[in-house]
Amino acid sequence: MTVQDPLPIRVDIISDVVCPWCVIGYRQLAKAAQNTGSELDIHWHPFELNPQMAEGGENLREHLAAKYGTTLEGSIKARERLTDMGAALGFTFNYADDMRMYNTFRAHQLIDWASEQGKGHDMKQALFATFFTRREDVSDMQVLADSAASIGLDRNDALTMLQSGERADIVRQKQQFWIRQGIQGVPAMVFNQRHLVTGAQGEDNYARILQHLQDNQAA
């Protein structure tokens, strides 16, 4: 009797590139997969935390205070916690007082375009760094084109796509699909198209989920 390797575990991740817990959650999941010997089949899906955000964005700290009632003390503690958690997972959060929050609709169009070229995952990771590590404007088409070039995609093709808006309708449709499924916050992960897990769950919890799914596959 031949023992077959476990099938890859499909994970649909609904997230935004300006969501720090999306960075943390994915990296915790990736580490759990490494620790459990799980192979992941990752699919990224668009979600905008701030679809009404104006061009130029808003000061991040002021934005969070207005949206969530975050105090200055709370903001400082949250940034310190995220920075430490990110560092432990190999990611650099580079917060600053003048950091701004931006609209991410164009960023999602770029990820959608990159996905068709087999680089959606790389594009997502690059944009996390563009926003959180380099504090760049992820609504700016030139910045986005540079990010595309950084992962080996054609900068001019990326810029042309963004300027045309050709991906706008399909990205809106994808966003609406997940909203209709009841997704109201991110990160949200759907394992094997059946099991929804919300929030960053931590390496141990993700490891238990992955092990459970592996065991069910083997049964």
N, C-alpha and C. Protein backbone atom coordinates (compact mmCIF):
# COMPACT_ATOMS: atom_id res chain seq x y z
N MET A 1 0.85 -1.19 0.00
CA MET A 1 0.00 0.00 0.00
C MET A 1 0.89 1.24 0.00
N THR A 2 0.61 2.15 -0.92
CA THR A 2 1.41 3.37 -1.04
C THR A 2 0.81 4.47 -0.18
N VAL A 3 1.66 5.13 0.59
CA VAL A 3 1.21 6.27 1.40
C VAL A 3 1.32 7.52 0.55
N GLN A 4 0.20 8.18 0.31
CA GLN A 4 0.19 9.37 -0.52
C GLN A 4 0.51 10.61 0.31
N ASP A 5 1.19 11.55 -0.33
CA ASP A 5 1.44 12.83 0.33
C ASP A 5 0.11 13.55 0.54
N PRO A 6 -0.01 14.31 1.64
CA PRO A 6 -1.25 15.04 1.87
C PRO A 6 -1.49 16.08 0.77
N LEU A 7 -2.75 16.29 0.45
CA LEU A 7 -3.09 17.29 -0.56
C LEU A 7 -2.83 18.69 -0.01
N PRO A 8 -2.51 19.64 -0.90
CA PRO A 8 -2.38 21.02 -0.45
C PRO A 8 -3.68 21.50 0.19
N ILE A 9 -3.57 22.31 1.21
CA ILE A 9 -4.74 22.88 1.87
C ILE A 9 -5.02 24.24 1.25
N ARG A 10 -6.18 24.37 0.63
CA ARG A 10 -6.54 25.64 0.02
C ARG A 10 -6.94 26.63 1.11
N VAL A 11 -6.37 27.83 1.02
CA VAL A 11 -6.73 28.89 1.96
C VAL A 11 -7.06 30.15 1.16
N ASP A 12 -8.31 30.54 1.20
CA ASP A 12 -8.74 31.80 0.60
C ASP A 12 -8.65 32.88 1.68
N ILE A 13 -7.80 33.89 1.43
CA ILE A 13 -7.58 34.92 2.43
C ILE A 13 -8.15 36.25 1.92
N ILE A 14 -9.16 36.74 2.63
CA ILE A 14 -9.75 38.02 2.31
C ILE A 14 -9.06 39.06 3.18
N SER A 15 -8.46 40.06 2.55
CA SER A 15 -7.66 40.99 3.34
C SER A 15 -7.42 42.30 2.60
N ASP A 16 -6.85 43.25 3.32
CA ASP A 16 -6.47 44.53 2.74
C ASP A 16 -4.97 44.76 2.99
N VAL A 17 -4.33 45.48 2.07
CA VAL A 17 -2.88 45.66 2.19
C VAL A 17 -2.51 46.67 3.27
N VAL A 18 -3.49 47.39 3.83
CA VAL A 18 -3.21 48.33 4.92
C VAL A 18 -3.68 47.79 6.26
N CYS A 19 -3.92 46.48 6.31
CA CYS A 19 -4.39 45.82 7.54
C CYS A 19 -3.21 45.13 8.22
N PRO A 20 -2.74 45.64 9.36
CA PRO A 20 -1.58 45.02 10.01
C PRO A 20 -1.84 43.60 10.47
N TRP A 21 -3.06 43.32 10.90
CA TRP A 21 -3.37 41.97 11.38
C TRP A 21 -3.44 40.97 10.24
N CYS A 22 -3.62 41.48 9.01
CA CYS A 22 -3.56 40.59 7.84
C CYS A 22 -2.12 40.12 7.62
N VAL A 23 -1.16 41.01 7.85
CA VAL A 23 0.25 40.63 7.77
C VAL A 23 0.55 39.59 8.85
N ILE A 24 0.17 39.91 10.07
CA ILE A 24 0.44 39.02 11.20
C ILE A 24 -0.23 37.66 10.99
N GLY A 25 -1.51 37.69 10.65
CA GLY A 25 -2.25 36.45 10.48
C GLY A 25 -1.65 35.55 9.41
N TYR A 26 -1.31 36.13 8.27
CA TYR A 26 -0.73 35.31 7.21
C TYR A 26 0.60 34.72 7.66
N ARG A 27 1.43 35.52 8.28
CA ARG A 27 2.76 35.02 8.67
C ARG A 27 2.66 33.98 9.78
N GLN A 28 1.69 34.13 10.68
CA GLN A 28 1.46 33.07 11.67
C GLN A 28 1.03 31.79 10.98
N LEU A 29 0.14 31.91 9.99
CA LEU A 29 -0.31 30.74 9.24
C LEU A 29 0.85 30.07 8.51
N ALA A 30 1.68 30.88 7.86
CA ALA A 30 2.81 30.33 7.11
C ALA A 30 3.77 29.59 8.03
N LYS A 31 3.99 30.14 9.23
CA LYS A 31 4.89 29.48 10.18
C LYS A 31 4.26 28.18 10.69
N ALA A 32 2.96 28.21 10.93
CA ALA A 32 2.27 26.99 11.37
C ALA A 32 2.34 25.92 10.29
N ALA A 33 2.22 26.33 9.03
CA ALA A 33 2.31 25.37 7.93
C ALA A 33 3.70 24.74 7.88
N GLN A 34 4.70 25.56 8.10
CA GLN A 34 6.08 25.05 8.11
C GLN A 34 6.27 24.05 9.24
N ASN A 35 5.72 24.39 10.40
CA ASN A 35 5.90 23.53 11.58
C ASN A 35 5.13 22.22 11.49
N THR A 36 4.04 22.22 10.74
CA THR A 36 3.21 21.00 10.63
C THR A 36 3.46 20.25 9.32
N GLY A 37 4.35 20.78 8.49
CA GLY A 37 4.61 20.14 7.20
C GLY A 37 3.44 20.23 6.25
N SER A 38 2.64 21.29 6.38
CA SER A 38 1.46 21.46 5.53
C SER A 38 1.82 22.27 4.29
N GLU A 39 1.27 21.85 3.17
CA GLU A 39 1.43 22.63 1.94
C GLU A 39 0.18 23.48 1.75
N LEU A 40 0.37 24.78 1.56
CA LEU A 40 -0.76 25.69 1.42
C LEU A 40 -0.94 26.12 -0.03
N ASP A 41 -2.18 26.22 -0.44
CA ASP A 41 -2.55 26.77 -1.75
C ASP A 41 -3.29 28.08 -1.46
N ILE A 42 -2.54 29.19 -1.48
CA ILE A 42 -3.06 30.48 -1.03
C ILE A 42 -3.73 31.23 -2.18
N HIS A 43 -4.91 31.77 -1.89
CA HIS A 43 -5.62 32.63 -2.84
C HIS A 43 -6.01 33.91 -2.10
N TRP A 44 -5.54 35.05 -2.59
CA TRP A 44 -5.83 36.34 -1.96
C TRP A 44 -7.05 36.99 -2.60
N HIS A 45 -7.88 37.60 -1.76
CA HIS A 45 -9.10 38.24 -2.25
C HIS A 45 -9.22 39.65 -1.67
N PRO A 46 -9.83 40.57 -2.44
CA PRO A 46 -9.84 41.99 -2.06
C PRO A 46 -10.88 42.36 -1.01
N PHE A 47 -10.46 43.24 -0.12
CA PHE A 47 -11.35 43.85 0.86
C PHE A 47 -10.80 45.25 1.14
N GLU A 48 -11.65 46.26 1.08
CA GLU A 48 -11.21 47.62 1.38
C GLU A 48 -11.68 48.03 2.77
N LEU A 49 -10.73 48.33 3.64
CA LEU A 49 -11.09 48.83 4.96
C LEU A 49 -11.68 50.23 4.89
N ASN A 50 -11.24 51.00 3.89
CA ASN A 50 -11.67 52.40 3.80
C ASN A 50 -12.03 52.77 2.37
N PRO A 51 -13.14 52.21 1.86
CA PRO A 51 -13.50 52.44 0.46
C PRO A 51 -13.82 53.89 0.15
N GLN A 52 -14.17 54.69 1.15
CA GLN A 52 -14.51 56.09 0.91
C GLN A 52 -13.33 57.03 1.14
N MET A 53 -12.15 56.48 1.38
CA MET A 53 -10.97 57.32 1.65
C MET A 53 -10.66 58.21 0.46
N ALA A 54 -10.44 59.51 0.74
CA ALA A 54 -10.17 60.48 -0.32
C ALA A 54 -8.74 60.35 -0.82
N GLU A 55 -8.48 60.89 -2.01
CA GLU A 55 -7.12 60.95 -2.55
C GLU A 55 -6.21 61.66 -1.55
N GLY A 56 -5.01 61.16 -1.41
CA GLY A 56 -4.08 61.76 -0.46
C GLY A 56 -4.14 61.16 0.92
N GLY A 57 -5.25 60.46 1.20
CA GLY A 57 -5.38 59.75 2.47
C GLY A 57 -5.54 60.64 3.68
N GLU A 58 -5.37 60.04 4.86
CA GLU A 58 -5.48 60.75 6.13
C GLU A 58 -4.35 60.30 7.04
N ASN A 59 -3.98 61.16 7.97
CA ASN A 59 -3.02 60.75 8.99
C ASN A 59 -3.54 59.49 9.67
N LEU A 60 -2.70 58.48 9.76
CA LEU A 60 -3.14 57.17 10.26
C LEU A 60 -3.66 57.26 11.69
N ARG A 61 -2.92 57.93 12.54
CA ARG A 61 -3.32 58.01 13.95
C ARG A 61 -4.64 58.76 14.08
N GLU A 62 -4.80 59.86 13.33
CA GLU A 62 -6.05 60.62 13.37
C GLU A 62 -7.20 59.80 12.80
N HIS A 63 -6.91 59.05 11.77
CA HIS A 63 -7.93 58.20 11.15
C HIS A 63 -8.43 57.15 12.13
N LEU A 64 -7.52 56.48 12.82
CA LEU A 64 -7.92 55.44 13.78
C LEU A 64 -8.66 56.03 14.97
N ALA A 65 -8.27 57.24 15.37
CA ALA A 65 -8.96 57.90 16.48
C ALA A 65 -10.41 58.22 16.09
N ALA A 66 -10.59 58.69 14.86
CA ALA A 66 -11.94 59.04 14.41
C ALA A 66 -12.80 57.80 14.16
N LYS A 67 -12.20 56.75 13.61
CA LYS A 67 -12.96 55.56 13.22
C LYS A 67 -13.23 54.63 14.38
N TYR A 68 -12.24 54.45 15.26
CA TYR A 68 -12.36 53.48 16.33
C TYR A 68 -12.29 54.07 17.74
N GLY A 69 -12.03 55.37 17.83
CA GLY A 69 -11.88 55.98 19.14
C GLY A 69 -10.56 55.67 19.81
N THR A 70 -9.54 55.31 19.01
CA THR A 70 -8.23 54.95 19.55
C THR A 70 -7.56 56.16 20.18
N THR A 71 -7.11 56.02 21.42
CA THR A 71 -6.41 57.11 22.09
C THR A 71 -4.94 57.12 21.69
N LEU A 72 -4.26 58.21 22.01
CA LEU A 72 -2.82 58.29 21.71
C LEU A 72 -2.07 57.19 22.44
N GLU A 73 -2.40 56.98 23.70
CA GLU A 73 -1.74 55.92 24.48
C GLU A 73 -2.02 54.55 23.87
N GLY A 74 -3.27 54.34 23.48
CA GLY A 74 -3.64 53.06 22.87
C GLY A 74 -2.92 52.85 21.56
N SER A 75 -2.78 53.92 20.79
CA SER A 75 -2.09 53.84 19.50
C SER A 75 -0.62 53.48 19.69
N ILE A 76 0.02 54.11 20.65
CA ILE A 76 1.44 53.84 20.92
C ILE A 76 1.64 52.38 21.31
N LYS A 77 0.78 51.89 22.21
CA LYS A 77 0.90 50.50 22.66
C LYS A 77 0.63 49.53 21.52
N ALA A 78 -0.38 49.83 20.69
CA ALA A 78 -0.72 48.94 19.58
C ALA A 78 0.43 48.88 18.58
N ARG A 79 1.03 50.03 18.30
CA ARG A 79 2.14 50.05 17.35
C ARG A 79 3.34 49.28 17.88
N GLU A 80 3.60 49.42 19.16
CA GLU A 80 4.73 48.69 19.76
C GLU A 80 4.48 47.18 19.70
N ARG A 81 3.24 46.78 20.00
CA ARG A 81 2.89 45.36 19.97
C ARG A 81 3.01 44.79 18.56
N LEU A 82 2.46 45.51 17.58
CA LEU A 82 2.52 45.04 16.20
C LEU A 82 3.96 44.98 15.70
N THR A 83 4.75 45.99 16.06
CA THR A 83 6.16 46.01 15.65
C THR A 83 6.90 44.80 16.19
N ASP A 84 6.66 44.49 17.47
CA ASP A 84 7.32 43.33 18.08
C ASP A 84 6.85 42.02 17.46
N MET A 85 5.54 41.90 17.26
CA MET A 85 5.00 40.68 16.66
C MET A 85 5.51 40.49 15.24
N GLY A 86 5.54 41.59 14.48
CA GLY A 86 6.04 41.53 13.12
C GLY A 86 7.50 41.10 13.07
N ALA A 87 8.32 41.69 13.94
CA ALA A 87 9.74 41.35 13.97
C ALA A 87 9.95 39.87 14.25
N ALA A 88 9.14 39.32 15.16
CA ALA A 88 9.26 37.90 15.50
C ALA A 88 8.88 37.00 14.32
N LEU A 89 8.10 37.55 13.39
CA LEU A 89 7.66 36.80 12.23
C LEU A 89 8.41 37.19 10.96
N GLY A 90 9.44 38.02 11.12
CA GLY A 90 10.26 38.39 9.97
C GLY A 90 9.72 39.53 9.13
N PHE A 91 8.84 40.36 9.70
CA PHE A 91 8.28 41.49 8.96
C PHE A 91 8.54 42.78 9.72
N THR A 92 8.84 43.85 8.97
CA THR A 92 9.16 45.14 9.59
C THR A 92 7.99 46.11 9.48
N PHE A 93 7.38 46.40 10.63
CA PHE A 93 6.43 47.51 10.72
C PHE A 93 7.23 48.75 11.08
N ASN A 94 7.13 49.77 10.26
CA ASN A 94 7.94 50.96 10.42
C ASN A 94 7.03 52.17 10.64
N TYR A 95 6.34 52.16 11.76
CA TYR A 95 5.37 53.22 12.04
C TYR A 95 6.05 54.56 12.32
N ALA A 96 5.34 55.64 11.98
CA ALA A 96 5.83 56.99 12.23
C ALA A 96 4.62 57.90 12.48
N ASP A 97 4.86 59.01 13.15
CA ASP A 97 3.75 59.91 13.49
C ASP A 97 3.06 60.48 12.26
N ASP A 98 3.81 60.64 11.16
CA ASP A 98 3.23 61.22 9.95
C ASP A 98 2.73 60.16 8.96
N MET A 99 2.67 58.92 9.38
CA MET A 99 2.20 57.84 8.50
C MET A 99 0.73 58.07 8.14
N ARG A 100 0.37 57.75 6.88
CA ARG A 100 -0.97 58.02 6.41
C ARG A 100 -1.68 56.73 6.00
N MET A 101 -3.01 56.77 6.12
CA MET A 101 -3.87 55.69 5.62
C MET A 101 -4.36 56.08 4.23
N TYR A 102 -4.41 55.09 3.32
CA TYR A 102 -4.79 55.37 1.94
C TYR A 102 -5.91 54.44 1.47
N ASN A 103 -6.56 54.86 0.41
CA ASN A 103 -7.50 54.00 -0.29
C ASN A 103 -6.71 52.91 -1.02
N THR A 104 -7.24 51.71 -1.07
CA THR A 104 -6.48 50.58 -1.62
C THR A 104 -7.11 49.95 -2.85
N PHE A 105 -8.07 50.62 -3.47
CA PHE A 105 -8.76 50.02 -4.60
C PHE A 105 -7.80 49.74 -5.76
N ARG A 106 -6.90 50.67 -6.05
CA ARG A 106 -5.93 50.43 -7.13
C ARG A 106 -4.96 49.32 -6.76
N ALA A 107 -4.59 49.24 -5.49
CA ALA A 107 -3.69 48.16 -5.05
C ALA A 107 -4.33 46.80 -5.30
N HIS A 108 -5.62 46.68 -5.04
CA HIS A 108 -6.30 45.41 -5.28
C HIS A 108 -6.38 45.10 -6.78
N GLN A 109 -6.52 46.13 -7.60
CA GLN A 109 -6.51 45.90 -9.04
C GLN A 109 -5.15 45.37 -9.48
N LEU A 110 -4.09 45.90 -8.88
CA LEU A 110 -2.74 45.44 -9.21
C LEU A 110 -2.54 43.98 -8.81
N ILE A 111 -3.02 43.61 -7.64
CA ILE A 111 -2.90 42.22 -7.18
C ILE A 111 -3.68 41.30 -8.12
N ASP A 112 -4.88 41.72 -8.52
CA ASP A 112 -5.69 40.92 -9.42
C ASP A 112 -4.97 40.70 -10.75
N TRP A 113 -4.36 41.75 -11.25
CA TRP A 113 -3.59 41.67 -12.51
C TRP A 113 -2.38 40.76 -12.35
N ALA A 114 -1.68 40.91 -11.24
CA ALA A 114 -0.49 40.09 -10.98
C ALA A 114 -0.88 38.62 -10.82
N SER A 115 -2.05 38.35 -10.28
CA SER A 115 -2.49 36.97 -10.08
C SER A 115 -2.60 36.22 -11.40
N GLU A 116 -3.02 36.92 -12.43
CA GLU A 116 -3.15 36.27 -13.74
C GLU A 116 -1.79 35.89 -14.32
N GLN A 117 -0.75 36.47 -13.77
CA GLN A 117 0.60 36.15 -14.21
C GLN A 117 1.33 35.27 -13.20
N GLY A 118 0.56 34.70 -12.27
CA GLY A 118 1.12 33.79 -11.30
C GLY A 118 1.89 34.47 -10.19
N LYS A 119 1.66 35.79 -10.01
CA LYS A 119 2.44 36.53 -9.01
C LYS A 119 1.55 37.31 -8.04
N GLY A 120 0.33 36.84 -7.87
CA GLY A 120 -0.57 37.53 -6.94
C GLY A 120 -0.06 37.50 -5.52
N HIS A 121 0.46 36.35 -5.09
CA HIS A 121 0.98 36.24 -3.73
C HIS A 121 2.19 37.15 -3.53
N ASP A 122 3.11 37.14 -4.48
CA ASP A 122 4.28 38.00 -4.38
C ASP A 122 3.88 39.47 -4.36
N MET A 123 2.88 39.81 -5.15
CA MET A 123 2.43 41.21 -5.21
C MET A 123 1.83 41.64 -3.88
N LYS A 124 1.06 40.76 -3.28
CA LYS A 124 0.45 41.06 -1.98
C LYS A 124 1.53 41.31 -0.94
N GLN A 125 2.53 40.45 -0.89
CA GLN A 125 3.60 40.61 0.08
C GLN A 125 4.39 41.90 -0.17
N ALA A 126 4.62 42.21 -1.44
CA ALA A 126 5.35 43.43 -1.77
C ALA A 126 4.58 44.67 -1.33
N LEU A 127 3.27 44.64 -1.48
CA LEU A 127 2.47 45.81 -1.10
C LEU A 127 2.35 45.95 0.41
N PHE A 128 2.36 44.85 1.14
CA PHE A 128 2.45 44.95 2.59
C PHE A 128 3.70 45.74 2.98
N ALA A 129 4.81 45.42 2.35
CA ALA A 129 6.07 46.11 2.65
C ALA A 129 6.04 47.55 2.15
N THR A 130 5.44 47.77 0.98
CA THR A 130 5.34 49.14 0.45
C THR A 130 4.65 50.04 1.46
N PHE A 131 3.57 49.56 2.05
CA PHE A 131 2.81 50.39 2.98
C PHE A 131 3.42 50.42 4.38
N PHE A 132 3.65 49.26 4.96
CA PHE A 132 4.03 49.22 6.37
C PHE A 132 5.52 49.44 6.62
N THR A 133 6.37 49.00 5.69
CA THR A 133 7.81 49.12 5.92
C THR A 133 8.36 50.42 5.35
N ARG A 134 7.92 50.74 4.12
CA ARG A 134 8.44 51.96 3.47
C ARG A 134 7.50 53.15 3.59
N ARG A 135 6.30 52.91 4.11
CA ARG A 135 5.31 53.97 4.34
C ARG A 135 4.99 54.75 3.06
N GLU A 136 4.84 54.05 1.97
CA GLU A 136 4.54 54.70 0.70
C GLU A 136 3.04 54.68 0.42
N ASP A 137 2.62 55.53 -0.52
CA ASP A 137 1.21 55.72 -0.85
C ASP A 137 0.74 54.61 -1.79
N VAL A 138 0.00 53.66 -1.26
CA VAL A 138 -0.45 52.52 -2.07
C VAL A 138 -1.69 52.85 -2.90
N SER A 139 -2.06 54.12 -2.96
CA SER A 139 -3.09 54.55 -3.91
C SER A 139 -2.46 55.22 -5.12
N ASP A 140 -1.16 55.49 -5.04
CA ASP A 140 -0.45 56.19 -6.11
C ASP A 140 -0.02 55.21 -7.20
N MET A 141 -0.39 55.50 -8.42
CA MET A 141 -0.12 54.56 -9.52
C MET A 141 1.38 54.38 -9.78
N GLN A 142 2.16 55.42 -9.60
CA GLN A 142 3.60 55.30 -9.82
C GLN A 142 4.23 54.40 -8.75
N VAL A 143 3.79 54.57 -7.52
CA VAL A 143 4.27 53.72 -6.42
C VAL A 143 3.89 52.26 -6.68
N LEU A 144 2.66 52.05 -7.11
CA LEU A 144 2.20 50.70 -7.39
C LEU A 144 2.98 50.07 -8.54
N ALA A 145 3.24 50.85 -9.58
CA ALA A 145 4.01 50.33 -10.71
C ALA A 145 5.42 49.95 -10.28
N ASP A 146 6.01 50.76 -9.40
CA ASP A 146 7.33 50.42 -8.86
C ASP A 146 7.28 49.11 -8.08
N SER A 147 6.22 48.92 -7.31
CA SER A 147 6.08 47.69 -6.54
C SER A 147 5.95 46.48 -7.46
N ALA A 148 5.23 46.66 -8.57
CA ALA A 148 5.11 45.58 -9.54
C ALA A 148 6.47 45.23 -10.13
N ALA A 149 7.25 46.26 -10.46
CA ALA A 149 8.58 46.03 -11.03
C ALA A 149 9.49 45.32 -10.04
N SER A 150 9.28 45.58 -8.74
CA SER A 150 10.14 44.99 -7.71
C SER A 150 10.02 43.48 -7.63
N ILE A 151 8.91 42.92 -8.16
CA ILE A 151 8.75 41.46 -8.15
C ILE A 151 8.89 40.88 -9.56
N GLY A 152 9.42 41.69 -10.46
CA GLY A 152 9.73 41.18 -11.79
C GLY A 152 8.65 41.35 -12.84
N LEU A 153 7.58 42.09 -12.52
CA LEU A 153 6.55 42.38 -13.51
C LEU A 153 6.92 43.63 -14.29
N ASP A 154 6.33 43.78 -15.46
CA ASP A 154 6.66 44.92 -16.31
C ASP A 154 6.03 46.19 -15.76
N ARG A 155 6.87 47.16 -15.45
CA ARG A 155 6.38 48.39 -14.83
C ARG A 155 5.42 49.14 -15.74
N ASN A 156 5.76 49.26 -17.01
CA ASN A 156 4.91 50.00 -17.94
C ASN A 156 3.57 49.31 -18.14
N ASP A 157 3.57 47.99 -18.20
CA ASP A 157 2.31 47.25 -18.34
C ASP A 157 1.43 47.46 -17.11
N ALA A 158 2.06 47.43 -15.94
CA ALA A 158 1.30 47.65 -14.70
C ALA A 158 0.69 49.05 -14.69
N LEU A 159 1.48 50.05 -15.07
CA LEU A 159 1.00 51.43 -15.07
C LEU A 159 -0.13 51.61 -16.07
N THR A 160 0.03 51.04 -17.25
CA THR A 160 -1.02 51.14 -18.28
C THR A 160 -2.32 50.53 -17.79
N MET A 161 -2.21 49.36 -17.14
CA MET A 161 -3.40 48.70 -16.60
C MET A 161 -4.08 49.58 -15.56
N LEU A 162 -3.31 50.15 -14.66
CA LEU A 162 -3.89 50.99 -13.61
C LEU A 162 -4.54 52.24 -14.19
N GLN A 163 -3.88 52.85 -15.15
CA GLN A 163 -4.42 54.07 -15.75
C GLN A 163 -5.71 53.81 -16.52
N SER A 164 -5.82 52.61 -17.10
CA SER A 164 -7.02 52.28 -17.88
C SER A 164 -8.23 51.97 -17.00
N GLY A 165 -7.96 51.51 -15.78
CA GLY A 165 -9.06 51.11 -14.90
C GLY A 165 -9.75 49.85 -15.36
N GLU A 166 -9.08 49.07 -16.19
CA GLU A 166 -9.72 47.90 -16.80
C GLU A 166 -10.10 46.82 -15.80
N ARG A 167 -9.47 46.84 -14.63
CA ARG A 167 -9.75 45.81 -13.62
C ARG A 167 -10.75 46.28 -12.56
N ALA A 168 -11.22 47.50 -12.67
CA ALA A 168 -12.06 48.06 -11.62
C ALA A 168 -13.33 47.25 -11.39
N ASP A 169 -14.04 46.93 -12.46
CA ASP A 169 -15.33 46.24 -12.32
C ASP A 169 -15.16 44.84 -11.73
N ILE A 170 -14.17 44.11 -12.21
CA ILE A 170 -13.99 42.74 -11.71
C ILE A 170 -13.58 42.73 -10.24
N VAL A 171 -12.77 43.71 -9.83
CA VAL A 171 -12.38 43.78 -8.42
C VAL A 171 -13.58 44.15 -7.55
N ARG A 172 -14.42 45.07 -8.03
CA ARG A 172 -15.64 45.40 -7.29
C ARG A 172 -16.53 44.17 -7.12
N GLN A 173 -16.64 43.39 -8.19
CA GLN A 173 -17.47 42.19 -8.11
C GLN A 173 -16.91 41.20 -7.09
N LYS A 174 -15.60 41.06 -7.06
CA LYS A 174 -14.97 40.15 -6.10
C LYS A 174 -15.16 40.65 -4.67
N GLN A 175 -15.04 41.95 -4.47
CA GLN A 175 -15.28 42.50 -3.14
C GLN A 175 -16.71 42.23 -2.69
N GLN A 176 -17.66 42.47 -3.58
CA GLN A 176 -19.07 42.28 -3.24
C GLN A 176 -19.39 40.83 -2.95
N PHE A 177 -18.73 39.92 -3.65
CA PHE A 177 -18.97 38.49 -3.40
C PHE A 177 -18.69 38.16 -1.94
N TRP A 178 -17.55 38.61 -1.44
CA TRP A 178 -17.18 38.26 -0.06
C TRP A 178 -18.04 39.00 0.96
N ILE A 179 -18.44 40.22 0.63
CA ILE A 179 -19.35 40.94 1.53
C ILE A 179 -20.67 40.19 1.63
N ARG A 180 -21.14 39.67 0.49
CA ARG A 180 -22.39 38.89 0.50
C ARG A 180 -22.25 37.59 1.29
N GLN A 181 -21.03 37.09 1.40
CA GLN A 181 -20.79 35.89 2.22
C GLN A 181 -20.73 36.22 3.70
N GLY A 182 -20.87 37.49 4.04
CA GLY A 182 -20.89 37.89 5.44
C GLY A 182 -19.56 38.39 5.98
N ILE A 183 -18.56 38.56 5.12
CA ILE A 183 -17.27 39.05 5.58
C ILE A 183 -17.37 40.55 5.86
N GLN A 184 -17.13 40.93 7.11
CA GLN A 184 -17.23 42.33 7.51
C GLN A 184 -15.91 42.89 8.02
N GLY A 185 -14.94 42.02 8.26
CA GLY A 185 -13.64 42.45 8.75
C GLY A 185 -12.57 41.49 8.28
N VAL A 186 -11.34 41.93 8.37
CA VAL A 186 -10.22 41.11 7.89
C VAL A 186 -9.09 41.10 8.92
N PRO A 187 -8.25 40.04 8.88
CA PRO A 187 -8.23 38.96 7.91
C PRO A 187 -9.35 37.95 8.14
N ALA A 188 -9.83 37.38 7.04
CA ALA A 188 -10.77 36.27 7.09
C ALA A 188 -10.20 35.17 6.20
N MET A 189 -10.10 33.98 6.73
CA MET A 189 -9.51 32.86 5.98
C MET A 189 -10.53 31.73 5.87
N VAL A 190 -10.67 31.22 4.66
CA VAL A 190 -11.56 30.09 4.42
C VAL A 190 -10.69 28.90 4.03
N PHE A 191 -10.72 27.87 4.86
CA PHE A 191 -9.89 26.67 4.65
C PHE A 191 -10.68 25.63 3.85
N ASN A 192 -10.05 25.19 2.77
CA ASN A 192 -10.67 24.17 1.89
C ASN A 192 -12.09 24.52 1.49
N GLN A 193 -12.34 25.83 1.33
CA GLN A 193 -13.62 26.36 0.85
C GLN A 193 -14.80 25.99 1.74
N ARG A 194 -14.49 25.67 3.01
CA ARG A 194 -15.57 25.24 3.92
C ARG A 194 -15.50 25.89 5.30
N HIS A 195 -14.31 26.10 5.83
CA HIS A 195 -14.17 26.48 7.23
C HIS A 195 -13.66 27.92 7.33
N LEU A 196 -14.49 28.82 7.84
CA LEU A 196 -14.12 30.23 7.97
C LEU A 196 -13.49 30.49 9.33
N VAL A 197 -12.33 31.15 9.31
CA VAL A 197 -11.64 31.56 10.53
C VAL A 197 -11.33 33.04 10.39
N THR A 198 -11.71 33.84 11.37
CA THR A 198 -11.51 35.28 11.29
C THR A 198 -10.47 35.74 12.31
N GLY A 199 -9.79 36.84 11.95
CA GLY A 199 -8.77 37.40 12.83
C GLY A 199 -7.47 36.63 12.76
N ALA A 200 -6.43 37.23 13.32
CA ALA A 200 -5.13 36.56 13.41
C ALA A 200 -5.17 35.63 14.61
N GLN A 201 -5.11 34.31 14.37
CA GLN A 201 -5.39 33.32 15.41
C GLN A 201 -4.16 32.85 16.19
N GLY A 202 -2.96 33.19 15.70
CA GLY A 202 -1.76 32.72 16.38
C GLY A 202 -1.26 31.41 15.79
N GLU A 203 0.04 31.20 15.90
CA GLU A 203 0.66 30.01 15.28
C GLU A 203 0.06 28.71 15.81
N ASP A 204 -0.15 28.61 17.11
CA ASP A 204 -0.63 27.35 17.69
C ASP A 204 -2.02 27.00 17.18
N ASN A 205 -2.91 28.00 17.13
CA ASN A 205 -4.27 27.73 16.65
C ASN A 205 -4.27 27.35 15.18
N TYR A 206 -3.47 28.05 14.39
CA TYR A 206 -3.38 27.70 12.97
C TYR A 206 -2.81 26.29 12.80
N ALA A 207 -1.83 25.94 13.62
CA ALA A 207 -1.25 24.59 13.54
C ALA A 207 -2.31 23.53 13.84
N ARG A 208 -3.16 23.79 14.83
CA ARG A 208 -4.22 22.84 15.15
C ARG A 208 -5.22 22.71 13.99
N ILE A 209 -5.53 23.85 13.38
CA ILE A 209 -6.46 23.82 12.24
C ILE A 209 -5.86 23.02 11.09
N LEU A 210 -4.61 23.29 10.78
CA LEU A 210 -3.96 22.61 9.66
C LEU A 210 -3.82 21.11 9.94
N GLN A 211 -3.46 20.77 11.17
CA GLN A 211 -3.33 19.35 11.51
C GLN A 211 -4.67 18.63 11.42
N HIS A 212 -5.72 19.30 11.89
CA HIS A 212 -7.05 18.71 11.81
C HIS A 212 -7.44 18.46 10.36
N LEU A 213 -7.16 19.42 9.48
CA LEU A 213 -7.52 19.27 8.07
C LEU A 213 -6.68 18.15 7.43
N GLN A 214 -5.41 18.07 7.81
CA GLN A 214 -4.57 17.00 7.30
C GLN A 214 -5.10 15.62 7.75
N ASP A 215 -5.47 15.54 9.01
CA ASP A 215 -5.97 14.26 9.55
C ASP A 215 -7.25 13.83 8.83
N ASN A 216 -8.11 14.82 8.53
CA ASN A 216 -9.36 14.50 7.83
C ASN A 216 -9.10 14.02 6.41
N GLN A 217 -8.07 14.60 5.78
CA GLN A 217 -7.71 14.16 4.43
C GLN A 217 -7.23 12.71 4.44
N ALA A 218 -6.50 12.38 5.50
CA ALA A 218 -5.91 11.03 5.57
C ALA A 218 -6.93 9.97 5.97
N ALA A 219 -8.02 10.43 6.60
CA ALA A 219 -9.01 9.46 7.10
C ALA A 219 -9.76 8.77 5.96
